[in-house]
Amino acid sequence: MKKIVLSSKNKSLNKSKPSVVTIILFILLVVYTIGLFVPIIWAIVASFMNKDDFVFYFGSMHAFKNGVKYTFDNYVFAWNNLNVLAVSSNIRYYIPDLLGHSVLYALECALAFTICPVIMAYATARFKFAFSKIVYAFVIFTMALPIVGSMASEIRMLHNLGIFDTFPSMIILRFNFLSIYFLILHAQFSSIPYEYSEAAKVDGASNFRVMWQIIIPQSLNTIVTVFVLSFISYWNDYQIPLLYLPSYPTAAFGIYDFVHNASPEGAFVPVQLAGTLIMVIPIVIVFIIFNKRIRVSVSMGGIKG
């Protein structure tokens, strides 16, 4: 008995000691993480520098010295001068307008792109019928198949429906389940034991009540994570709004236009960094609010809440 106890203790001690490969990988990951944060910190510091100090300390860590004068003038200039002229409507939009368009576009697209996969993944995962396997295989097939040239047909369809250059048109285009999120949600719904559903149905619960009060609450972390990741992806997208919403430029396109078509004063790098950081603030707020839900574990089956 003593030998068994001692051997189990030795095994636990051996497991607690990291290997050389683990230590090397950890060090590489730490260095890689620092390498990601250094440009961000440098951009934040440079955005507060005036022209003379930036030219003198460009690329130098001496910018952190007390002798450098930091100012909010770059942010004030970017706030007043970062704007986009919508050619289709001949209206000039400033930062509050651009942020409003981005919030509306990202929010409606993320909702549509989350709700549809939730419905289809729940139906195919919780109800076993032949068509569910066909849907699952069709999603994988469409993901593997490169689809190009659909923009022209989509724009023609929206023109025929009379909803081109409107925000509701984006809901129609994004309400589909052909994405990796369908597979993630399908794995999540499949992992929930069927005994919960059967017990609820014995008590008289309908299929909708089982989904809304039993399955969805247990999968809420996964659903919220899918929504947040979709929101961030659409927030950073400027090509689709430029093509489908030419009268409503977003913040992402505003940054692009500000950097590439800037005036001599706007071409100053700290000013451009200040404008970019202003546009990043909403995403930072979203991450702070949902960071606990975003940091979920990823396994072979998908995202586990």
C-alpha atoms as a PDB file:
ATOM      1  CA  MET A   1       0.000   0.000   0.000  1.00  0.00           C
ATOM      2  CA  LYS A   2       2.853   2.355   0.860  1.00  0.00           C
ATOM      3  CA  LYS A   3       4.559   1.610  -2.441  1.00  0.00           C
ATOM      4  CA  ILE A   4       1.410   2.506  -4.339  1.00  0.00           C
ATOM      5  CA  VAL A   5       1.085   5.786  -2.449  1.00  0.00           C
ATOM      6  CA  LEU A   6       4.731   6.668  -3.031  1.00  0.00           C
ATOM      7  CA  SER A   7       4.519   5.822  -6.725  1.00  0.00           C
ATOM      8  CA  SER A   8       1.420   8.016  -7.139  1.00  0.00           C
ATOM      9  CA  LYS A   9       3.225  10.887  -5.405  1.00  0.00           C
ATOM     10  CA  ASN A  10       6.234  10.480  -7.687  1.00  0.00           C
ATOM     11  CA  LYS A  11       3.982  10.525 -10.743  1.00  0.00           C
ATOM     12  CA  SER A  12       2.293  13.730  -9.582  1.00  0.00           C
ATOM     13  CA  LEU A  13       5.703  15.342  -9.004  1.00  0.00           C
ATOM     14  CA  ASN A  14       6.882  14.304 -12.452  1.00  0.00           C
ATOM     15  CA  LYS A  15       3.762  15.709 -14.071  1.00  0.00           C
ATOM     16  CA  SER A  16       4.214  19.062 -12.329  1.00  0.00           C
ATOM     17  CA  LYS A  17       7.661  19.606 -13.816  1.00  0.00           C
ATOM     18  CA  PRO A  18       7.538  21.296 -17.239  1.00  0.00           C
ATOM     19  CA  SER A  19       9.710  19.865 -19.952  1.00  0.00           C
ATOM     20  CA  VAL A  20      12.421  21.753 -21.790  1.00  0.00           C
ATOM     21  CA  VAL A  21      10.255  21.975 -24.891  1.00  0.00           C
ATOM     22  CA  THR A  22       7.404  23.477 -22.848  1.00  0.00           C
ATOM     23  CA  ILE A  23       9.727  26.091 -21.348  1.00  0.00           C
ATOM     24  CA  ILE A  24      11.106  27.036 -24.771  1.00  0.00           C
ATOM     25  CA  LEU A  25       7.601  27.323 -26.242  1.00  0.00           C
ATOM     26  CA  PHE A  26       6.500  29.456 -23.288  1.00  0.00           C
ATOM     27  CA  ILE A  27       9.452  31.809 -23.751  1.00  0.00           C
ATOM     28  CA  LEU A  28       8.758  32.087 -27.489  1.00  0.00           C
ATOM     29  CA  LEU A  29       5.097  32.875 -26.816  1.00  0.00           C
ATOM     30  CA  VAL A  30       6.059  35.543 -24.268  1.00  0.00           C
ATOM     31  CA  VAL A  31       8.461  37.148 -26.741  1.00  0.00           C
ATOM     32  CA  TYR A  32       5.823  36.967 -29.467  1.00  0.00           C
ATOM     33  CA  THR A  33       3.214  38.588 -27.181  1.00  0.00           C
ATOM     34  CA  ILE A  34       5.611  41.393 -26.265  1.00  0.00           C
ATOM     35  CA  GLY A  35       6.304  41.902 -29.957  1.00  0.00           C
ATOM     36  CA  LEU A  36       2.568  42.385 -30.529  1.00  0.00           C
ATOM     37  CA  PHE A  37       2.160  44.913 -27.728  1.00  0.00           C
ATOM     38  CA  VAL A  38       5.222  47.051 -28.453  1.00  0.00           C
ATOM     39  CA  PRO A  39       3.835  48.571 -31.710  1.00  0.00           C
ATOM     40  CA  ILE A  40       0.510  49.293 -29.976  1.00  0.00           C
ATOM     41  CA  ILE A  41       2.209  51.074 -27.084  1.00  0.00           C
ATOM     42  CA  TRP A  42       4.445  52.982 -29.502  1.00  0.00           C
ATOM     43  CA  ALA A  43       1.384  54.062 -31.544  1.00  0.00           C
ATOM     44  CA  ILE A  44      -0.399  55.332 -28.415  1.00  0.00           C
ATOM     45  CA  VAL A  45       2.665  57.282 -27.278  1.00  0.00           C
ATOM     46  CA  ALA A  46       3.348  58.680 -30.758  1.00  0.00           C
ATOM     47  CA  SER A  47      -0.262  59.872 -31.111  1.00  0.00           C
ATOM     48  CA  PHE A  48       0.348  62.378 -28.281  1.00  0.00           C
ATOM     49  CA  MET A  49       3.607  63.768 -29.688  1.00  0.00           C
ATOM     50  CA  ASN A  50       4.020  67.015 -31.597  1.00  0.00           C
ATOM     51  CA  LYS A  51       5.733  67.198 -34.966  1.00  0.00           C
ATOM     52  CA  ASP A  52       9.227  68.165 -33.778  1.00  0.00           C
ATOM     53  CA  ASP A  53       9.401  65.537 -31.043  1.00  0.00           C
ATOM     54  CA  PHE A  54       8.059  62.830 -33.322  1.00  0.00           C
ATOM     55  CA  VAL A  55      10.622  63.573 -36.044  1.00  0.00           C
ATOM     56  CA  PHE A  56      13.444  63.636 -33.507  1.00  0.00           C
ATOM     57  CA  TYR A  57      12.404  60.553 -31.515  1.00  0.00           C
ATOM     58  CA  PHE A  58      10.964  58.521 -34.405  1.00  0.00           C
ATOM     59  CA  GLY A  59      11.525  54.814 -33.711  1.00  0.00           C
ATOM     60  CA  SER A  60      13.359  55.577 -30.483  1.00  0.00           C
ATOM     61  CA  MET A  61      12.436  54.495 -26.962  1.00  0.00           C
ATOM     62  CA  HIS A  62      13.590  57.910 -25.751  1.00  0.00           C
ATOM     63  CA  ALA A  63      10.050  59.062 -26.489  1.00  0.00           C
ATOM     64  CA  PHE A  64       9.190  57.910 -22.977  1.00  0.00           C
ATOM     65  CA  LYS A  65      11.506  60.479 -21.453  1.00  0.00           C
ATOM     66  CA  ASN A  66      10.051  63.376 -19.502  1.00  0.00           C
ATOM     67  CA  GLY A  67      11.539  65.910 -21.900  1.00  0.00           C
ATOM     68  CA  VAL A  68       9.023  65.010 -24.614  1.00  0.00           C
ATOM     69  CA  LYS A  69       5.918  67.195 -24.659  1.00  0.00           C
ATOM     70  CA  TYR A  70       2.664  65.320 -25.056  1.00  0.00           C
ATOM     71  CA  THR A  71      -0.474  66.998 -26.347  1.00  0.00           C
ATOM     72  CA  PHE A  72      -4.093  66.251 -27.299  1.00  0.00           C
ATOM     73  CA  ASP A  73      -3.878  68.499 -30.359  1.00  0.00           C
ATOM     74  CA  ASN A  74      -3.563  65.503 -32.677  1.00  0.00           C
ATOM     75  CA  TYR A  75      -6.842  64.062 -31.380  1.00  0.00           C
ATOM     76  CA  VAL A  76      -8.597  67.423 -31.668  1.00  0.00           C
ATOM     77  CA  PHE A  77      -7.384  67.842 -35.255  1.00  0.00           C
ATOM     78  CA  ALA A  78      -8.385  64.285 -36.176  1.00  0.00           C
ATOM     79  CA  TRP A  79     -11.837  64.733 -34.613  1.00  0.00           C
ATOM     80  CA  ASN A  80     -12.456  67.931 -36.557  1.00  0.00           C
ATOM     81  CA  ASN A  81     -10.951  66.879 -39.887  1.00  0.00           C
ATOM     82  CA  LEU A  82     -11.583  63.157 -40.238  1.00  0.00           C
ATOM     83  CA  ASN A  83     -14.563  63.086 -42.567  1.00  0.00           C
ATOM     84  CA  VAL A  84     -15.813  61.352 -45.702  1.00  0.00           C
ATOM     85  CA  LEU A  85     -17.785  62.805 -48.592  1.00  0.00           C
ATOM     86  CA  ALA A  86     -20.424  60.340 -49.803  1.00  0.00           C
ATOM     87  CA  VAL A  87     -20.428  60.881 -53.560  1.00  0.00           C
ATOM     88  CA  SER A  88     -23.823  59.229 -54.081  1.00  0.00           C
ATOM     89  CA  SER A  89     -25.596  61.600 -51.660  1.00  0.00           C
ATOM     90  CA  ASN A  90     -23.093  64.503 -51.691  1.00  0.00           C
ATOM     91  CA  ILE A  91     -23.172  64.562 -47.875  1.00  0.00           C
ATOM     92  CA  ARG A  92     -20.062  64.960 -45.734  1.00  0.00           C
ATOM     93  CA  TYR A  93     -19.959  62.689 -42.681  1.00  0.00           C
ATOM     94  CA  TYR A  94     -17.757  63.300 -39.634  1.00  0.00           C
ATOM     95  CA  ILE A  95     -16.579  60.955 -36.871  1.00  0.00           C
ATOM     96  CA  PRO A  96     -19.897  60.739 -34.923  1.00  0.00           C
ATOM     97  CA  ASP A  97     -21.720  59.876 -38.155  1.00  0.00           C
ATOM     98  CA  LEU A  98     -19.094  57.334 -39.201  1.00  0.00           C
ATOM     99  CA  LEU A  99     -19.205  55.664 -35.790  1.00  0.00           C
ATOM    100  CA  GLY A 100     -23.001  55.567 -35.909  1.00  0.00           C
ATOM    101  CA  HIS A 101     -22.972  53.926 -39.338  1.00  0.00           C
ATOM    102  CA  SER A 102     -20.395  51.381 -38.155  1.00  0.00           C
ATOM    103  CA  VAL A 103     -22.385  50.498 -35.031  1.00  0.00           C
ATOM    104  CA  LEU A 104     -25.594  50.031 -37.015  1.00  0.00           C
ATOM    105  CA  TYR A 105     -23.914  48.033 -39.787  1.00  0.00           C
ATOM    106  CA  ALA A 106     -21.881  45.781 -37.478  1.00  0.00           C
ATOM    107  CA  LEU A 107     -24.764  45.250 -35.057  1.00  0.00           C
ATOM    108  CA  GLU A 108     -27.386  44.224 -37.612  1.00  0.00           C
ATOM    109  CA  CYS A 109     -24.963  42.039 -39.574  1.00  0.00           C
ATOM    110  CA  ALA A 110     -23.689  40.316 -36.428  1.00  0.00           C
ATOM    111  CA  LEU A 111     -27.233  39.654 -35.203  1.00  0.00           C
ATOM    112  CA  ALA A 112     -28.325  38.205 -38.545  1.00  0.00           C
ATOM    113  CA  PHE A 113     -25.117  36.195 -38.873  1.00  0.00           C
ATOM    114  CA  THR A 114     -25.633  34.758 -35.362  1.00  0.00           C
ATOM    115  CA  ILE A 115     -29.386  34.112 -35.255  1.00  0.00           C
ATOM    116  CA  CYS A 116     -29.533  32.120 -38.492  1.00  0.00           C
ATOM    117  CA  PRO A 117     -26.715  29.671 -37.572  1.00  0.00           C
ATOM    118  CA  VAL A 118     -28.249  29.240 -34.105  1.00  0.00           C
ATOM    119  CA  ILE A 119     -31.604  28.210 -35.611  1.00  0.00           C
ATOM    120  CA  MET A 120     -30.138  25.861 -38.220  1.00  0.00           C
ATOM    121  CA  ALA A 121     -27.529  24.369 -35.893  1.00  0.00           C
ATOM    122  CA  TYR A 122     -30.161  23.699 -33.227  1.00  0.00           C
ATOM    123  CA  ALA A 123     -32.532  22.076 -35.719  1.00  0.00           C
ATOM    124  CA  THR A 124     -29.878  19.820 -37.248  1.00  0.00           C
ATOM    125  CA  ALA A 125     -28.180  18.942 -33.943  1.00  0.00           C
ATOM    126  CA  ARG A 126     -31.186  18.257 -31.714  1.00  0.00           C
ATOM    127  CA  PHE A 127     -33.518  16.648 -34.280  1.00  0.00           C
ATOM    128  CA  LYS A 128     -32.055  13.615 -36.002  1.00  0.00           C
ATOM    129  CA  PHE A 129     -33.360  13.281 -39.544  1.00  0.00           C
ATOM    130  CA  ALA A 130     -31.743  12.616 -42.916  1.00  0.00           C
ATOM    131  CA  PHE A 131     -31.887  16.240 -44.044  1.00  0.00           C
ATOM    132  CA  SER A 132     -29.727  17.356 -41.071  1.00  0.00           C
ATOM    133  CA  LYS A 133     -26.771  15.379 -42.411  1.00  0.00           C
ATOM    134  CA  ILE A 134     -27.291  16.897 -45.853  1.00  0.00           C
ATOM    135  CA  VAL A 135     -27.265  20.422 -44.385  1.00  0.00           C
ATOM    136  CA  TYR A 136     -24.106  19.679 -42.392  1.00  0.00           C
ATOM    137  CA  ALA A 137     -22.338  18.307 -45.470  1.00  0.00           C
ATOM    138  CA  PHE A 138     -23.558  21.233 -47.588  1.00  0.00           C
ATOM    139  CA  VAL A 139     -22.039  23.745 -45.143  1.00  0.00           C
ATOM    140  CA  ILE A 140     -18.666  22.003 -45.268  1.00  0.00           C
ATOM    141  CA  PHE A 141     -18.857  21.833 -49.069  1.00  0.00           C
ATOM    142  CA  THR A 142     -19.622  25.545 -49.460  1.00  0.00           C
ATOM    143  CA  MET A 143     -16.779  26.434 -47.085  1.00  0.00           C
ATOM    144  CA  ALA A 144     -14.312  24.396 -49.118  1.00  0.00           C
ATOM    145  CA  LEU A 145     -15.557  25.772 -52.436  1.00  0.00           C
ATOM    146  CA  PRO A 146     -14.229  29.241 -53.354  1.00  0.00           C
ATOM    147  CA  ILE A 147     -17.235  31.346 -54.354  1.00  0.00           C
ATOM    148  CA  VAL A 148     -16.358  34.404 -56.419  1.00  0.00           C
ATOM    149  CA  GLY A 149     -18.294  36.812 -58.549  1.00  0.00           C
ATOM    150  CA  SER A 150     -21.411  36.924 -56.358  1.00  0.00           C
ATOM    151  CA  MET A 151     -21.246  40.661 -55.681  1.00  0.00           C
ATOM    152  CA  ALA A 152     -22.599  41.687 -59.086  1.00  0.00           C
ATOM    153  CA  SER A 153     -25.619  39.393 -58.775  1.00  0.00           C
ATOM    154  CA  GLU A 154     -26.256  40.512 -55.190  1.00  0.00           C
ATOM    155  CA  ILE A 155     -26.167  44.195 -56.152  1.00  0.00           C
ATOM    156  CA  ARG A 156     -28.536  43.501 -59.078  1.00  0.00           C
ATOM    157  CA  MET A 157     -30.887  41.628 -56.745  1.00  0.00           C
ATOM    158  CA  LEU A 158     -30.925  44.498 -54.233  1.00  0.00           C
ATOM    159  CA  HIS A 159     -31.615  46.992 -57.042  1.00  0.00           C
ATOM    160  CA  ASN A 160     -34.523  44.878 -58.279  1.00  0.00           C
ATOM    161  CA  LEU A 161     -35.937  44.703 -54.752  1.00  0.00           C
ATOM    162  CA  GLY A 162     -35.535  48.472 -54.361  1.00  0.00           C
ATOM    163  CA  ILE A 163     -33.463  48.199 -51.176  1.00  0.00           C
ATOM    164  CA  PHE A 164     -29.964  48.855 -52.488  1.00  0.00           C
ATOM    165  CA  ASP A 165     -27.975  51.314 -50.365  1.00  0.00           C
ATOM    166  CA  THR A 166     -30.159  50.685 -47.303  1.00  0.00           C
ATOM    167  CA  PHE A 167     -29.311  49.043 -43.987  1.00  0.00           C
ATOM    168  CA  PRO A 168     -32.107  46.398 -44.180  1.00  0.00           C
ATOM    169  CA  SER A 169     -30.427  45.012 -47.296  1.00  0.00           C
ATOM    170  CA  MET A 170     -27.453  43.985 -45.169  1.00  0.00           C
ATOM    171  CA  ILE A 171     -29.709  41.886 -42.942  1.00  0.00           C
ATOM    172  CA  ILE A 172     -30.949  39.963 -45.981  1.00  0.00           C
ATOM    173  CA  LEU A 173     -27.413  39.313 -47.251  1.00  0.00           C
ATOM    174  CA  ARG A 174     -26.051  38.252 -43.860  1.00  0.00           C
ATOM    175  CA  PHE A 175     -28.972  36.040 -42.773  1.00  0.00           C
ATOM    176  CA  ASN A 176     -27.333  32.750 -43.700  1.00  0.00           C
ATOM    177  CA  PHE A 177     -25.695  29.838 -41.903  1.00  0.00           C
ATOM    178  CA  LEU A 178     -22.919  28.946 -44.352  1.00  0.00           C
ATOM    179  CA  SER A 179     -19.967  29.632 -42.060  1.00  0.00           C
ATOM    180  CA  ILE A 180     -17.668  28.039 -39.511  1.00  0.00           C
ATOM    181  CA  TYR A 181     -19.973  29.329 -36.774  1.00  0.00           C
ATOM    182  CA  PHE A 182     -22.634  26.829 -37.835  1.00  0.00           C
ATOM    183  CA  LEU A 183     -20.193  23.984 -37.154  1.00  0.00           C
ATOM    184  CA  ILE A 184     -19.217  25.499 -33.793  1.00  0.00           C
ATOM    185  CA  LEU A 185     -22.827  25.913 -32.680  1.00  0.00           C
ATOM    186  CA  HIS A 186     -23.735  22.458 -33.998  1.00  0.00           C
ATOM    187  CA  ALA A 187     -21.002  20.912 -31.865  1.00  0.00           C
ATOM    188  CA  GLN A 188     -22.144  22.921 -28.846  1.00  0.00           C
ATOM    189  CA  PHE A 189     -25.794  21.879 -29.162  1.00  0.00           C
ATOM    190  CA  SER A 190     -24.835  18.252 -29.795  1.00  0.00           C
ATOM    191  CA  SER A 191     -22.754  18.125 -26.597  1.00  0.00           C
ATOM    192  CA  ILE A 192     -25.776  18.881 -24.365  1.00  0.00           C
ATOM    193  CA  PRO A 193     -27.333  15.625 -23.052  1.00  0.00           C
ATOM    194  CA  TYR A 194     -30.710  14.712 -24.516  1.00  0.00           C
ATOM    195  CA  GLU A 195     -31.979  13.750 -21.057  1.00  0.00           C
ATOM    196  CA  TYR A 196     -32.602  17.441 -20.322  1.00  0.00           C
ATOM    197  CA  SER A 197     -34.916  17.762 -23.294  1.00  0.00           C
ATOM    198  CA  GLU A 198     -36.699  14.498 -22.584  1.00  0.00           C
ATOM    199  CA  ALA A 199     -37.302  15.412 -18.930  1.00  0.00           C
ATOM    200  CA  ALA A 200     -38.724  18.798 -19.929  1.00  0.00           C
ATOM    201  CA  LYS A 201     -41.035  17.239 -22.526  1.00  0.00           C
ATOM    202  CA  VAL A 202     -42.316  14.790 -19.920  1.00  0.00           C
ATOM    203  CA  ASP A 203     -43.315  17.815 -17.835  1.00  0.00           C
ATOM    204  CA  GLY A 204     -45.217  19.207 -20.814  1.00  0.00           C
ATOM    205  CA  ALA A 205     -42.660  21.609 -22.300  1.00  0.00           C
ATOM    206  CA  SER A 206     -42.877  22.349 -26.010  1.00  0.00           C
ATOM    207  CA  ASN A 207     -39.921  22.195 -28.398  1.00  0.00           C
ATOM    208  CA  PHE A 208     -39.645  25.982 -28.406  1.00  0.00           C
ATOM    209  CA  ARG A 209     -39.628  26.118 -24.590  1.00  0.00           C
ATOM    210  CA  VAL A 210     -36.953  23.431 -24.434  1.00  0.00           C
ATOM    211  CA  MET A 211     -34.804  25.425 -26.828  1.00  0.00           C
ATOM    212  CA  TRP A 212     -35.362  28.800 -25.153  1.00  0.00           C
ATOM    213  CA  GLN A 213     -35.206  27.800 -21.479  1.00  0.00           C
ATOM    214  CA  ILE A 214     -32.859  24.800 -21.477  1.00  0.00           C
ATOM    215  CA  ILE A 215     -30.563  24.601 -24.501  1.00  0.00           C
ATOM    216  CA  ILE A 216     -29.936  28.300 -25.196  1.00  0.00           C
ATOM    217  CA  PRO A 217     -28.963  29.192 -21.573  1.00  0.00           C
ATOM    218  CA  GLN A 218     -26.432  26.357 -21.523  1.00  0.00           C
ATOM    219  CA  SER A 219     -24.967  27.562 -24.840  1.00  0.00           C
ATOM    220  CA  LEU A 220     -25.089  31.281 -24.085  1.00  0.00           C
ATOM    221  CA  ASN A 221     -21.308  31.689 -23.803  1.00  0.00           C
ATOM    222  CA  THR A 222     -20.810  30.195 -27.240  1.00  0.00           C
ATOM    223  CA  ILE A 223     -23.595  32.257 -28.825  1.00  0.00           C
ATOM    224  CA  VAL A 224     -22.347  35.519 -27.315  1.00  0.00           C
ATOM    225  CA  THR A 225     -18.796  34.729 -28.398  1.00  0.00           C
ATOM    226  CA  VAL A 226     -19.942  34.115 -31.977  1.00  0.00           C
ATOM    227  CA  PHE A 227     -21.860  37.407 -31.913  1.00  0.00           C
ATOM    228  CA  VAL A 228     -18.927  39.424 -30.536  1.00  0.00           C
ATOM    229  CA  LEU A 229     -16.438  37.963 -33.014  1.00  0.00           C
ATOM    230  CA  SER A 230     -18.849  38.674 -35.861  1.00  0.00           C
ATOM    231  CA  PHE A 231     -19.374  42.231 -34.603  1.00  0.00           C
ATOM    232  CA  ILE A 232     -15.621  42.887 -34.533  1.00  0.00           C
ATOM    233  CA  SER A 233     -15.207  41.398 -38.012  1.00  0.00           C
ATOM    234  CA  TYR A 234     -17.942  43.598 -39.495  1.00  0.00           C
ATOM    235  CA  TRP A 235     -16.657  46.655 -37.647  1.00  0.00           C
ATOM    236  CA  ASN A 236     -13.284  46.292 -39.361  1.00  0.00           C
ATOM    237  CA  ASP A 237     -14.867  45.681 -42.786  1.00  0.00           C
ATOM    238  CA  TYR A 238     -14.812  48.637 -45.154  1.00  0.00           C
ATOM    239  CA  GLN A 239     -15.100  46.976 -48.572  1.00  0.00           C
ATOM    240  CA  ILE A 240     -18.667  45.639 -48.259  1.00  0.00           C
ATOM    241  CA  PRO A 241     -20.150  48.908 -46.899  1.00  0.00           C
ATOM    242  CA  LEU A 242     -18.316  50.803 -49.635  1.00  0.00           C
ATOM    243  CA  LEU A 243     -19.955  48.647 -52.328  1.00  0.00           C
ATOM    244  CA  TYR A 244     -23.404  48.062 -50.829  1.00  0.00           C
ATOM    245  CA  LEU A 245     -23.843  51.211 -48.685  1.00  0.00           C
ATOM    246  CA  PRO A 246     -22.138  54.011 -50.645  1.00  0.00           C
ATOM    247  CA  SER A 247     -24.330  56.660 -48.977  1.00  0.00           C
ATOM    248  CA  TYR A 248     -23.373  55.530 -45.462  1.00  0.00           C
ATOM    249  CA  PRO A 249     -19.555  55.373 -45.061  1.00  0.00           C
ATOM    250  CA  THR A 250     -18.348  53.580 -41.952  1.00  0.00           C
ATOM    251  CA  ALA A 251     -15.497  54.237 -39.535  1.00  0.00           C
ATOM    252  CA  ALA A 252     -13.235  51.673 -41.224  1.00  0.00           C
ATOM    253  CA  PHE A 253     -13.580  53.420 -44.570  1.00  0.00           C
ATOM    254  CA  GLY A 254     -13.152  56.779 -42.824  1.00  0.00           C
ATOM    255  CA  ILE A 255      -9.740  55.703 -41.555  1.00  0.00           C
ATOM    256  CA  TYR A 256      -8.765  54.428 -44.997  1.00  0.00           C
ATOM    257  CA  ASP A 257      -9.802  57.696 -46.640  1.00  0.00           C
ATOM    258  CA  PHE A 258      -8.131  59.775 -43.903  1.00  0.00           C
ATOM    259  CA  VAL A 259      -4.808  57.977 -44.335  1.00  0.00           C
ATOM    260  CA  HIS A 260      -4.706  57.854 -48.154  1.00  0.00           C
ATOM    261  CA  ASN A 261      -6.364  61.171 -49.014  1.00  0.00           C
ATOM    262  CA  ALA A 262      -5.161  63.314 -46.162  1.00  0.00           C
ATOM    263  CA  SER A 263      -4.299  66.991 -46.316  1.00  0.00           C
ATOM    264  CA  PRO A 264      -0.694  68.062 -45.599  1.00  0.00           C
ATOM    265  CA  GLU A 265      -1.613  68.482 -41.918  1.00  0.00           C
ATOM    266  CA  GLY A 266      -3.488  65.190 -41.862  1.00  0.00           C
ATOM    267  CA  ALA A 267      -0.561  63.341 -43.415  1.00  0.00           C
ATOM    268  CA  PHE A 268       1.310  63.801 -40.125  1.00  0.00           C
ATOM    269  CA  VAL A 269       1.696  60.262 -38.693  1.00  0.00           C
ATOM    270  CA  PRO A 270       0.682  61.078 -35.072  1.00  0.00           C
ATOM    271  CA  VAL A 271      -2.515  62.691 -36.384  1.00  0.00           C
ATOM    272  CA  GLN A 272      -3.335  59.572 -38.386  1.00  0.00           C
ATOM    273  CA  LEU A 273      -2.584  57.413 -35.356  1.00  0.00           C
ATOM    274  CA  ALA A 274      -4.868  59.584 -33.240  1.00  0.00           C
ATOM    275  CA  GLY A 275      -7.715  59.212 -35.737  1.00  0.00           C
ATOM    276  CA  THR A 276      -7.208  55.453 -35.861  1.00  0.00           C
ATOM    277  CA  LEU A 277      -7.227  55.154 -32.062  1.00  0.00           C
ATOM    278  CA  ILE A 278     -10.464  57.154 -31.863  1.00  0.00           C
ATOM    279  CA  MET A 279     -12.106  54.644 -34.176  1.00  0.00           C
ATOM    280  CA  VAL A 280     -10.727  51.728 -32.122  1.00  0.00           C
ATOM    281  CA  ILE A 281     -12.313  52.892 -28.855  1.00  0.00           C
ATOM    282  CA  PRO A 282     -15.723  51.187 -29.463  1.00  0.00           C
ATOM    283  CA  ILE A 283     -14.022  47.836 -30.121  1.00  0.00           C
ATOM    284  CA  VAL A 284     -11.997  48.198 -26.917  1.00  0.00           C
ATOM    285  CA  ILE A 285     -15.215  48.873 -25.001  1.00  0.00           C
ATOM    286  CA  VAL A 286     -16.848  45.789 -26.536  1.00  0.00           C
ATOM    287  CA  PHE A 287     -13.839  43.668 -25.575  1.00  0.00           C
ATOM    288  CA  ILE A 288     -13.842  44.965 -21.984  1.00  0.00           C
ATOM    289  CA  ILE A 289     -17.542  44.147 -21.600  1.00  0.00           C
ATOM    290  CA  PHE A 290     -17.419  40.682 -23.172  1.00  0.00           C
ATOM    291  CA  ASN A 291     -13.830  39.606 -22.455  1.00  0.00           C
ATOM    292  CA  LYS A 292     -14.908  36.844 -20.066  1.00  0.00           C
ATOM    293  CA  ARG A 293     -17.173  35.340 -22.688  1.00  0.00           C
ATOM    294  CA  ILE A 294     -14.603  35.731 -25.473  1.00  0.00           C
ATOM    295  CA  ARG A 295     -11.985  33.853 -23.450  1.00  0.00           C
ATOM    296  CA  VAL A 296     -13.635  30.484 -23.835  1.00  0.00           C
ATOM    297  CA  SER A 297     -11.773  27.292 -24.559  1.00  0.00           C
ATOM    298  CA  VAL A 298     -11.517  26.046 -28.121  1.00  0.00           C
ATOM    299  CA  SER A 299     -11.585  22.276 -28.541  1.00  0.00           C
ATOM    300  CA  MET A 300     -11.996  19.847 -31.414  1.00  0.00           C
ATOM    301  CA  GLY A 301     -15.742  20.141 -31.377  1.00  0.00           C
ATOM    302  CA  GLY A 302     -15.871  23.925 -31.303  1.00  0.00           C
ATOM    303  CA  ILE A 303     -16.075  26.635 -28.680  1.00  0.00           C
ATOM    304  CA  LYS A 304     -17.126  25.362 -25.282  1.00  0.00           C
ATOM    305  CA  GLY A 305     -18.855  27.758 -22.944  1.00  0.00           C
END
